[in-house]
Amino acid sequence: MTNSYTIRYVFERSAEMERENARSKASALLREIEVMEFCHRPRAVIWKTAVKAKAFAMLAEDRAMIMNATEIIARTRPPKSAAERRAIHDKALRVLARLKRLGR
C-alpha cells in the first residue's frame, strides 16, 4: 500500500487575476442570457442575470461587456411603478377588446 500526499500551494490572487476571473464570469453570464432569450425565459430572470453580468463586467473593467449588459438591463427590466403595471394591464385589456371585436 502506498500513501500518496497532495501538496497544495495557496497563493494570493493578483488584481489582474481577479479582473480576468470577473471577465470570464461576465462573459459566461452574457452567453447564458443569449440562451435564456432564445428559450423565452421570463424577463425578470434575464434581468437579474444581466445585472450580475454587469457587476462582473464592471469589476473586469470591460467597457464592451458593460454596455452589452446595460442594454439587456434596459430592454428587460421589470416595470417599477404601479402606474407602469397599470398601463400594461390597460393595454392588455384594449388588445383583448379589439380581438373580441375582430372575432365577431
C-alpha atoms as a PDB file:
ATOM      1  CA  MET A   1       0.000   0.000   0.000  1.00  0.00           C
ATOM      2  CA  THR A   2       1.364   3.357  -0.978  1.00  0.00           C
ATOM      3  CA  ASN A   3       0.492   6.578   0.658  1.00  0.00           C
ATOM      4  CA  SER A   4       0.094   9.484  -1.681  1.00  0.00           C
ATOM      5  CA  TYR A   5       0.099  13.020  -0.497  1.00  0.00           C
ATOM      6  CA  THR A   6      -1.113  16.026  -2.353  1.00  0.00           C
ATOM      7  CA  ILE A   7       0.687  19.256  -1.905  1.00  0.00           C
ATOM      8  CA  ARG A   8      -1.482  22.278  -2.320  1.00  0.00           C
ATOM      9  CA  TYR A   9       0.015  25.662  -2.927  1.00  0.00           C
ATOM     10  CA  VAL A  10      -2.088  28.568  -1.720  1.00  0.00           C
ATOM     11  CA  PHE A  11      -1.216  31.952  -3.071  1.00  0.00           C
ATOM     12  CA  GLU A  12      -2.872  35.291  -3.176  1.00  0.00           C
ATOM     13  CA  ARG A  13      -4.577  36.325  -6.384  1.00  0.00           C
ATOM     14  CA  SER A  14      -3.270  39.373  -8.129  1.00  0.00           C
ATOM     15  CA  ALA A  15      -5.538  42.187  -9.280  1.00  0.00           C
ATOM     16  CA  GLU A  16      -5.087  41.041 -12.878  1.00  0.00           C
ATOM     17  CA  MET A  17      -6.182  37.518 -11.973  1.00  0.00           C
ATOM     18  CA  GLU A  18      -9.287  38.912 -10.242  1.00  0.00           C
ATOM     19  CA  ARG A  19     -10.136  41.014 -13.322  1.00  0.00           C
ATOM     20  CA  GLU A  20      -9.686  38.022 -15.614  1.00  0.00           C
ATOM     21  CA  ASN A  21     -11.880  35.890 -13.352  1.00  0.00           C
ATOM     22  CA  ALA A  22     -14.588  38.597 -13.348  1.00  0.00           C
ATOM     23  CA  ARG A  23     -14.301  38.948 -17.140  1.00  0.00           C
ATOM     24  CA  SER A  24     -14.766  35.215 -17.538  1.00  0.00           C
ATOM     25  CA  LYS A  25     -17.832  35.180 -15.269  1.00  0.00           C
ATOM     26  CA  ALA A  26     -19.386  38.174 -17.065  1.00  0.00           C
ATOM     27  CA  SER A  27     -18.811  36.545 -20.443  1.00  0.00           C
ATOM     28  CA  ALA A  28     -20.366  33.280 -19.271  1.00  0.00           C
ATOM     29  CA  LEU A  29     -23.409  35.104 -17.903  1.00  0.00           C
ATOM     30  CA  LEU A  30     -23.877  37.040 -21.161  1.00  0.00           C
ATOM     31  CA  ARG A  31     -23.770  33.769 -23.118  1.00  0.00           C
ATOM     32  CA  GLU A  32     -26.291  32.324 -20.665  1.00  0.00           C
ATOM     33  CA  ILE A  33     -28.564  35.317 -21.313  1.00  0.00           C
ATOM     34  CA  GLU A  34     -28.483  34.579 -25.053  1.00  0.00           C
ATOM     35  CA  VAL A  35     -29.721  31.056 -24.328  1.00  0.00           C
ATOM     36  CA  MET A  36     -32.348  32.388 -21.931  1.00  0.00           C
ATOM     37  CA  GLU A  37     -33.684  34.781 -24.559  1.00  0.00           C
ATOM     38  CA  PHE A  38     -33.750  32.009 -27.158  1.00  0.00           C
ATOM     39  CA  CYS A  39     -35.652  29.714 -24.777  1.00  0.00           C
ATOM     40  CA  HIS A  40     -38.069  32.523 -23.828  1.00  0.00           C
ATOM     41  CA  ARG A  41     -37.233  32.579 -20.134  1.00  0.00           C
ATOM     42  CA  PRO A  42     -39.072  35.202 -18.014  1.00  0.00           C
ATOM     43  CA  ARG A  43     -37.835  38.756 -18.361  1.00  0.00           C
ATOM     44  CA  ALA A  44     -37.213  39.067 -14.621  1.00  0.00           C
ATOM     45  CA  VAL A  45     -34.794  36.116 -14.672  1.00  0.00           C
ATOM     46  CA  ILE A  46     -32.932  37.564 -17.662  1.00  0.00           C
ATOM     47  CA  TRP A  47     -32.816  40.974 -15.975  1.00  0.00           C
ATOM     48  CA  LYS A  48     -31.326  39.555 -12.755  1.00  0.00           C
ATOM     49  CA  THR A  49     -28.689  37.672 -14.725  1.00  0.00           C
ATOM     50  CA  ALA A  50     -27.846  40.803 -16.718  1.00  0.00           C
ATOM     51  CA  VAL A  51     -27.399  42.809 -13.511  1.00  0.00           C
ATOM     52  CA  LYS A  52     -24.935  40.194 -12.253  1.00  0.00           C
ATOM     53  CA  ALA A  53     -23.123  40.198 -15.611  1.00  0.00           C
ATOM     54  CA  LYS A  54     -22.824  43.992 -15.482  1.00  0.00           C
ATOM     55  CA  ALA A  55     -21.383  43.825 -11.972  1.00  0.00           C
ATOM     56  CA  PHE A  56     -18.720  41.337 -13.058  1.00  0.00           C
ATOM     57  CA  ALA A  57     -18.003  43.386 -16.196  1.00  0.00           C
ATOM     58  CA  MET A  58     -17.503  46.467 -14.035  1.00  0.00           C
ATOM     59  CA  LEU A  59     -15.048  44.542 -11.857  1.00  0.00           C
ATOM     60  CA  ALA A  60     -13.252  43.418 -15.004  1.00  0.00           C
ATOM     61  CA  GLU A  61     -13.265  46.995 -16.347  1.00  0.00           C
ATOM     62  CA  ASP A  62     -14.518  45.749 -19.726  1.00  0.00           C
ATOM     63  CA  ARG A  63     -16.483  48.574 -21.360  1.00  0.00           C
ATOM     64  CA  ALA A  64     -17.950  46.460 -24.156  1.00  0.00           C
ATOM     65  CA  MET A  65     -19.450  43.934 -21.770  1.00  0.00           C
ATOM     66  CA  ILE A  66     -20.718  46.732 -19.522  1.00  0.00           C
ATOM     67  CA  MET A  67     -22.534  48.303 -22.470  1.00  0.00           C
ATOM     68  CA  ASN A  68     -23.986  44.953 -23.584  1.00  0.00           C
ATOM     69  CA  ALA A  69     -25.272  44.187 -20.095  1.00  0.00           C
ATOM     70  CA  THR A  70     -26.649  47.724 -19.740  1.00  0.00           C
ATOM     71  CA  GLU A  71     -28.602  47.333 -22.979  1.00  0.00           C
ATOM     72  CA  ILE A  72     -30.055  44.000 -21.827  1.00  0.00           C
ATOM     73  CA  ILE A  73     -30.987  45.507 -18.457  1.00  0.00           C
ATOM     74  CA  ALA A  74     -32.779  48.399 -20.148  1.00  0.00           C
ATOM     75  CA  ARG A  75     -34.597  46.049 -22.518  1.00  0.00           C
ATOM     76  CA  THR A  76     -35.738  43.505 -19.934  1.00  0.00           C
ATOM     77  CA  ARG A  77     -36.172  45.473 -16.744  1.00  0.00           C
ATOM     78  CA  PRO A  78     -39.385  44.723 -14.888  1.00  0.00           C
ATOM     79  CA  PRO A  79     -41.869  47.580 -14.512  1.00  0.00           C
ATOM     80  CA  LYS A  80     -41.015  49.623 -11.450  1.00  0.00           C
ATOM     81  CA  SER A  81     -44.126  51.521 -10.546  1.00  0.00           C
ATOM     82  CA  ALA A  82     -47.789  50.765 -10.089  1.00  0.00           C
ATOM     83  CA  ALA A  83     -48.534  53.231 -12.888  1.00  0.00           C
ATOM     84  CA  GLU A  84     -46.400  51.238 -15.329  1.00  0.00           C
ATOM     85  CA  ARG A  85     -48.054  47.991 -14.269  1.00  0.00           C
ATOM     86  CA  ARG A  86     -51.479  49.620 -14.675  1.00  0.00           C
ATOM     87  CA  ALA A  87     -50.547  50.879 -18.158  1.00  0.00           C
ATOM     88  CA  ILE A  88     -49.529  47.366 -19.213  1.00  0.00           C
ATOM     89  CA  HIS A  89     -52.777  45.958 -17.814  1.00  0.00           C
ATOM     90  CA  ASP A  90     -54.878  48.598 -19.598  1.00  0.00           C
ATOM     91  CA  LYS A  91     -53.084  47.914 -22.870  1.00  0.00           C
ATOM     92  CA  ALA A  92     -53.749  44.190 -22.491  1.00  0.00           C
ATOM     93  CA  LEU A  93     -57.448  44.906 -21.925  1.00  0.00           C
ATOM     94  CA  ARG A  94     -57.581  47.094 -25.052  1.00  0.00           C
ATOM     95  CA  VAL A  95     -55.908  44.356 -27.107  1.00  0.00           C
ATOM     96  CA  LEU A  96     -58.380  41.760 -25.816  1.00  0.00           C
ATOM     97  CA  ALA A  97     -61.330  44.058 -26.582  1.00  0.00           C
ATOM     98  CA  ARG A  98     -60.009  44.646 -30.113  1.00  0.00           C
ATOM     99  CA  LEU A  99     -59.541  40.899 -30.646  1.00  0.00           C
ATOM    100  CA  LYS A 100     -63.114  40.249 -29.468  1.00  0.00           C
ATOM    101  CA  ARG A 101     -64.455  42.839 -31.910  1.00  0.00           C
ATOM    102  CA  LEU A 102     -62.489  41.326 -34.772  1.00  0.00           C
ATOM    103  CA  GLY A 103     -63.592  37.822 -33.833  1.00  0.00           C
ATOM    104  CA  ARG A 104     -67.353  38.585 -34.006  1.00  0.00           C
END
